[in-house]
Amino acid sequence: MGTCELCNRNDLETTVHHLVPKEKGGTFGATALLCIPCHKQIHALYTNDEIAARLATIEDLNRDEKLSSFIKWIRKQPPGKLMKIRKSKERTRKGR
């Protein structure tokens, strides 16, 4: 159990998020420990190209308009609650 570096909730299962996606050269780069909902939300909203180009730090992720509203909401949720995360309509239309 740990703390999510994005939403700062405690006592929850975390996953390793490569700040620059592995397929974009981030295999041995910086990582962050994120809760499952935050990690899934990043990948539901953005492609690996977008993440590598402009969301490669925790600060960038926190400043992102789409993610900031999710983070504000998720902080109010209990640590054990897992929710269904869907790809954004934008990503679905792109066929990704």
Protein backbone atom coordinates (compact mmCIF):
# COMPACT_ATOMS: atom_id res chain seq x y z
CA MET A 1 0.00 0.00 0.00
CA GLY A 2 1.24 3.45 -0.82
CA THR A 3 0.43 7.03 -1.76
CA CYS A 4 -0.50 8.16 -5.26
CA GLU A 5 1.88 10.87 -6.45
CA LEU A 6 -0.88 12.48 -8.50
CA CYS A 7 -3.97 12.60 -6.25
CA ASN A 8 -2.04 12.18 -2.96
CA ARG A 9 -4.52 9.64 -1.55
CA ASN A 10 -2.96 7.22 0.97
CA ASP A 11 -3.22 3.52 1.76
CA LEU A 12 -4.00 2.30 -1.72
CA GLU A 13 -2.52 0.01 -4.32
CA THR A 14 -0.15 1.85 -6.65
CA THR A 15 1.21 1.08 -10.09
CA VAL A 16 4.38 2.29 -11.79
CA HIS A 17 3.72 4.94 -14.44
CA HIS A 18 6.55 5.74 -16.86
CA LEU A 19 6.44 9.52 -17.19
CA VAL A 20 7.74 9.12 -20.74
CA PRO A 21 6.03 5.99 -22.11
CA LYS A 22 8.32 3.01 -22.65
CA GLU A 23 7.51 2.89 -26.36
CA LYS A 24 8.68 6.51 -26.61
CA GLY A 25 12.07 5.87 -24.99
CA GLY A 26 11.12 6.02 -21.32
CA THR A 27 11.98 2.43 -20.36
CA PHE A 28 14.80 3.51 -18.05
CA GLY A 29 13.48 7.02 -17.37
CA ALA A 30 11.64 8.57 -14.47
CA THR A 31 8.57 6.86 -13.06
CA ALA A 32 5.80 7.79 -10.62
CA LEU A 33 3.69 5.66 -8.30
CA LEU A 34 0.05 6.22 -9.19
CA CYS A 35 -3.19 4.71 -7.95
CA ILE A 36 -4.97 2.57 -10.51
CA PRO A 37 -7.73 5.12 -11.29
CA CYS A 38 -5.26 7.98 -11.89
CA HIS A 39 -3.03 5.77 -14.06
CA LYS A 40 -5.98 4.56 -16.12
CA GLN A 41 -7.36 8.08 -16.50
CA ILE A 42 -4.11 9.38 -18.00
CA HIS A 43 -4.09 6.62 -20.61
CA ALA A 44 -7.82 6.97 -21.26
CA LEU A 45 -7.43 10.67 -22.08
CA TYR A 46 -4.13 10.75 -23.93
CA THR A 47 -2.06 8.78 -26.41
CA ASN A 48 1.53 7.86 -25.62
CA ASP A 49 2.63 10.51 -28.13
CA GLU A 50 0.71 13.20 -26.21
CA ILE A 51 2.03 11.99 -22.86
CA ALA A 52 5.64 12.02 -24.09
CA ALA A 53 5.30 15.45 -25.71
CA ARG A 54 3.65 17.43 -22.93
CA LEU A 55 2.80 15.37 -19.84
CA ALA A 56 6.17 13.93 -18.83
CA THR A 57 6.25 15.22 -15.22
CA ILE A 58 3.89 15.04 -12.26
CA GLU A 59 3.69 18.86 -12.42
CA ASP A 60 2.60 18.71 -16.08
CA LEU A 61 -0.03 16.10 -15.22
CA ASN A 62 -1.35 18.20 -12.31
CA ARG A 63 -1.59 21.32 -14.49
CA ASP A 64 -3.44 19.56 -17.31
CA GLU A 65 -7.01 20.86 -17.59
CA LYS A 66 -8.70 17.50 -18.21
CA LEU A 67 -6.74 15.69 -15.51
CA SER A 68 -7.07 18.43 -12.88
CA SER A 69 -10.86 18.07 -12.73
CA PHE A 70 -10.50 14.29 -12.39
CA ILE A 71 -7.85 14.70 -9.66
CA LYS A 72 -10.08 17.13 -7.75
CA TRP A 73 -12.90 14.56 -7.87
CA ILE A 74 -10.80 11.45 -7.11
CA ARG A 75 -9.28 13.05 -3.99
CA LYS A 76 -12.74 12.90 -2.40
CA GLN A 77 -13.13 9.17 -3.10
CA PRO A 78 -12.27 6.48 -0.55
CA PRO A 79 -8.96 4.66 -1.19
CA GLY A 80 -10.55 1.24 -1.75
CA LYS A 81 -13.02 2.43 -4.37
CA LEU A 82 -12.22 1.35 -7.92
CA MET A 83 -14.19 2.94 -10.69
CA LYS A 84 -14.64 2.17 -14.34
CA ILE A 85 -12.49 4.41 -16.53
CA ARG A 86 -13.38 4.78 -20.21
CA LYS A 87 -11.43 6.23 -23.10
CA SER A 88 -12.37 9.81 -23.83
CA LYS A 89 -14.72 10.36 -26.76
CA GLU A 90 -11.87 12.19 -28.52
CA ARG A 91 -9.60 9.16 -28.27
CA THR A 92 -12.40 6.79 -29.32
CA ARG A 93 -13.08 8.86 -32.45
CA LYS A 94 -9.40 8.76 -33.36
CA GLY A 95 -9.65 4.97 -33.36
CA ARG A 96 -7.08 4.48 -30.62
